[in-house]
Amino acid sequence: MIVEKVLVESVQLTNAAVVYYTTSIKVLTVIRRATVCNTTAGAVTVTIYITLPGASPAAGNTVIYQQSIPAGKTVDLYQLVNHVLTTAGTSIQALASANTSLTFRVSGYERPVI
């Protein structure tokens, strides 16, 4: 059974990489939409990682690197759409160049894996 859900519930990003979603055991997760909203008066960059269990955010697992988000704008992060997280413990991690300036939201679905 497919369960559609919000994977990351409108959180403000910090300026250090933080885990915002982690896959469960025997669950396949598919990202269907991701957005970031800049609520400040200046451009801010976002970096997003999909990391395997035990891995740290690094160049090898970067999906979006320092993408500039214009002041007062919401941007669809199309680069995340349709990424599939299959290994239990795989996480979505993100950071912003300025603390609490970007609001991040991800939705998709989870499907049990037998």
C-alpha atoms as a PDB file:
ATOM      1  CA  MET A   1       0.000   0.000   0.000  1.00  0.00           C
ATOM      2  CA  ILE A   2       1.344   3.423  -0.979  1.00  0.00           C
ATOM      3  CA  VAL A   3       1.112   6.094   1.708  1.00  0.00           C
ATOM      4  CA  GLU A   4       1.378   9.676   0.487  1.00  0.00           C
ATOM      5  CA  LYS A   5       2.778  12.020   3.104  1.00  0.00           C
ATOM      6  CA  VAL A   6       4.759  15.090   3.935  1.00  0.00           C
ATOM      7  CA  LEU A   7       8.333  13.858   4.390  1.00  0.00           C
ATOM      8  CA  VAL A   8       9.758  17.170   5.635  1.00  0.00           C
ATOM      9  CA  GLU A   9       7.210  19.456   7.272  1.00  0.00           C
ATOM     10  CA  SER A  10       8.013  23.125   6.537  1.00  0.00           C
ATOM     11  CA  VAL A  11      11.205  23.548   8.565  1.00  0.00           C
ATOM     12  CA  GLN A  12      13.599  26.473   8.623  1.00  0.00           C
ATOM     13  CA  LEU A  13      17.057  25.361   7.576  1.00  0.00           C
ATOM     14  CA  THR A  14      20.082  26.037   9.722  1.00  0.00           C
ATOM     15  CA  ASN A  15      23.570  26.854   8.456  1.00  0.00           C
ATOM     16  CA  ALA A  16      24.773  23.336   9.329  1.00  0.00           C
ATOM     17  CA  ALA A  17      23.645  20.096   7.677  1.00  0.00           C
ATOM     18  CA  VAL A  18      20.798  18.503   9.637  1.00  0.00           C
ATOM     19  CA  VAL A  19      18.814  15.287   9.034  1.00  0.00           C
ATOM     20  CA  TYR A  20      15.235  16.211   8.104  1.00  0.00           C
ATOM     21  CA  TYR A  21      13.953  12.795   6.983  1.00  0.00           C
ATOM     22  CA  THR A  22      15.121   9.206   7.410  1.00  0.00           C
ATOM     23  CA  THR A  23      13.685   6.114   5.734  1.00  0.00           C
ATOM     24  CA  SER A  24      12.292   3.346   7.899  1.00  0.00           C
ATOM     25  CA  ILE A  25      13.041  -0.372   7.763  1.00  0.00           C
ATOM     26  CA  LYS A  26      11.259  -2.168   4.886  1.00  0.00           C
ATOM     27  CA  VAL A  27      10.049   1.098   3.328  1.00  0.00           C
ATOM     28  CA  LEU A  28      10.796   2.538  -0.097  1.00  0.00           C
ATOM     29  CA  THR A  29      10.403   6.332  -0.251  1.00  0.00           C
ATOM     30  CA  VAL A  30       9.886   8.424  -3.393  1.00  0.00           C
ATOM     31  CA  ILE A  31      10.193  12.217  -3.385  1.00  0.00           C
ATOM     32  CA  ARG A  32       7.401  13.792  -5.442  1.00  0.00           C
ATOM     33  CA  ARG A  33       7.835  17.492  -4.653  1.00  0.00           C
ATOM     34  CA  ALA A  34      10.300  19.696  -2.789  1.00  0.00           C
ATOM     35  CA  THR A  35      10.238  23.447  -2.285  1.00  0.00           C
ATOM     36  CA  VAL A  36      12.276  26.070  -0.500  1.00  0.00           C
ATOM     37  CA  CYS A  37      11.022  29.547   0.384  1.00  0.00           C
ATOM     38  CA  ASN A  38      13.299  32.493   1.095  1.00  0.00           C
ATOM     39  CA  THR A  39      11.598  34.792   3.598  1.00  0.00           C
ATOM     40  CA  THR A  40      14.452  37.312   3.746  1.00  0.00           C
ATOM     41  CA  ALA A  41      15.408  40.438   1.825  1.00  0.00           C
ATOM     42  CA  GLY A  42      18.541  38.903   0.265  1.00  0.00           C
ATOM     43  CA  ALA A  43      19.475  35.842  -1.777  1.00  0.00           C
ATOM     44  CA  VAL A  44      20.380  32.722   0.260  1.00  0.00           C
ATOM     45  CA  THR A  45      21.848  29.430  -0.984  1.00  0.00           C
ATOM     46  CA  VAL A  46      20.639  25.922  -0.215  1.00  0.00           C
ATOM     47  CA  THR A  47      22.589  22.642  -0.284  1.00  0.00           C
ATOM     48  CA  ILE A  48      20.821  19.280  -0.059  1.00  0.00           C
ATOM     49  CA  TYR A  49      22.211  15.775   0.409  1.00  0.00           C
ATOM     50  CA  ILE A  50      20.784  12.265   0.207  1.00  0.00           C
ATOM     51  CA  THR A  51      23.012  10.209   2.478  1.00  0.00           C
ATOM     52  CA  LEU A  52      23.195   6.478   3.080  1.00  0.00           C
ATOM     53  CA  PRO A  53      23.214   5.147   6.658  1.00  0.00           C
ATOM     54  CA  GLY A  54      26.458   6.009   8.439  1.00  0.00           C
ATOM     55  CA  ALA A  55      27.526   8.497   5.769  1.00  0.00           C
ATOM     56  CA  SER A  56      28.160  12.179   6.352  1.00  0.00           C
ATOM     57  CA  PRO A  57      27.069  14.985   4.026  1.00  0.00           C
ATOM     58  CA  ALA A  58      29.809  15.394   1.431  1.00  0.00           C
ATOM     59  CA  ALA A  59      30.422  16.044  -2.258  1.00  0.00           C
ATOM     60  CA  GLY A  60      29.650  12.415  -3.128  1.00  0.00           C
ATOM     61  CA  ASN A  61      26.051  12.573  -1.895  1.00  0.00           C
ATOM     62  CA  THR A  62      25.145  16.155  -2.811  1.00  0.00           C
ATOM     63  CA  VAL A  63      21.994  16.523  -4.904  1.00  0.00           C
ATOM     64  CA  ILE A  64      21.814  20.330  -4.880  1.00  0.00           C
ATOM     65  CA  TYR A  65      24.892  22.449  -4.195  1.00  0.00           C
ATOM     66  CA  GLN A  66      24.621  26.084  -3.158  1.00  0.00           C
ATOM     67  CA  GLN A  67      21.584  26.840  -5.316  1.00  0.00           C
ATOM     68  CA  SER A  68      20.727  30.528  -4.943  1.00  0.00           C
ATOM     69  CA  ILE A  69      17.181  31.243  -3.788  1.00  0.00           C
ATOM     70  CA  PRO A  70      16.126  34.842  -4.561  1.00  0.00           C
ATOM     71  CA  ALA A  71      14.758  37.081  -1.815  1.00  0.00           C
ATOM     72  CA  GLY A  72      11.042  36.633  -1.180  1.00  0.00           C
ATOM     73  CA  LYS A  73      10.689  33.704  -3.600  1.00  0.00           C
ATOM     74  CA  THR A  74       9.602  30.072  -3.386  1.00  0.00           C
ATOM     75  CA  VAL A  75      11.508  27.697  -5.661  1.00  0.00           C
ATOM     76  CA  ASP A  76      10.603  24.148  -6.737  1.00  0.00           C
ATOM     77  CA  LEU A  77      13.603  21.878  -6.236  1.00  0.00           C
ATOM     78  CA  TYR A  78      12.998  19.747  -9.320  1.00  0.00           C
ATOM     79  CA  GLN A  79      16.395  18.048  -8.859  1.00  0.00           C
ATOM     80  CA  LEU A  80      14.960  16.072  -5.907  1.00  0.00           C
ATOM     81  CA  VAL A  81      11.799  14.891  -7.677  1.00  0.00           C
ATOM     82  CA  ASN A  82      11.615  11.129  -8.272  1.00  0.00           C
ATOM     83  CA  HIS A  83      14.653  10.298  -6.171  1.00  0.00           C
ATOM     84  CA  VAL A  84      14.043   6.900  -4.585  1.00  0.00           C
ATOM     85  CA  LEU A  85      15.353   6.119  -1.101  1.00  0.00           C
ATOM     86  CA  THR A  86      15.527   2.338  -0.788  1.00  0.00           C
ATOM     87  CA  THR A  87      17.965   1.605   2.030  1.00  0.00           C
ATOM     88  CA  ALA A  88      16.661   1.873   5.599  1.00  0.00           C
ATOM     89  CA  GLY A  89      18.341   4.797   7.310  1.00  0.00           C
ATOM     90  CA  THR A  90      18.905   6.814   4.137  1.00  0.00           C
ATOM     91  CA  SER A  91      18.353  10.480   4.962  1.00  0.00           C
ATOM     92  CA  ILE A  92      17.595  13.841   3.432  1.00  0.00           C
ATOM     93  CA  GLN A  93      19.924  16.463   4.889  1.00  0.00           C
ATOM     94  CA  ALA A  94      20.062  20.160   4.082  1.00  0.00           C
ATOM     95  CA  LEU A  95      21.612  23.483   5.032  1.00  0.00           C
ATOM     96  CA  ALA A  96      21.291  27.148   4.128  1.00  0.00           C
ATOM     97  CA  SER A  97      23.998  29.799   3.811  1.00  0.00           C
ATOM     98  CA  ALA A  98      22.114  31.924   6.374  1.00  0.00           C
ATOM     99  CA  ASN A  99      20.514  30.461   9.487  1.00  0.00           C
ATOM    100  CA  THR A 100      16.656  30.351   9.570  1.00  0.00           C
ATOM    101  CA  SER A 101      16.264  32.148   6.230  1.00  0.00           C
ATOM    102  CA  LEU A 102      14.876  29.298   4.109  1.00  0.00           C
ATOM    103  CA  THR A 103      11.786  27.172   4.723  1.00  0.00           C
ATOM    104  CA  PHE A 104      12.147  23.629   3.310  1.00  0.00           C
ATOM    105  CA  ARG A 105       9.288  21.206   2.557  1.00  0.00           C
ATOM    106  CA  VAL A 106       9.320  17.785   0.898  1.00  0.00           C
ATOM    107  CA  SER A 107       6.398  15.503   0.071  1.00  0.00           C
ATOM    108  CA  GLY A 108       6.178  12.091  -1.518  1.00  0.00           C
ATOM    109  CA  TYR A 109       5.143   8.586  -0.674  1.00  0.00           C
ATOM    110  CA  GLU A 110       6.290   5.522   1.192  1.00  0.00           C
ATOM    111  CA  ARG A 111       5.652   1.957   0.081  1.00  0.00           C
ATOM    112  CA  PRO A 112       6.316  -1.162   2.139  1.00  0.00           C
ATOM    113  CA  VAL A 113       9.032  -3.444   0.813  1.00  0.00           C
ATOM    114  CA  ILE A 114       8.767  -7.155   1.483  1.00  0.00           C
END
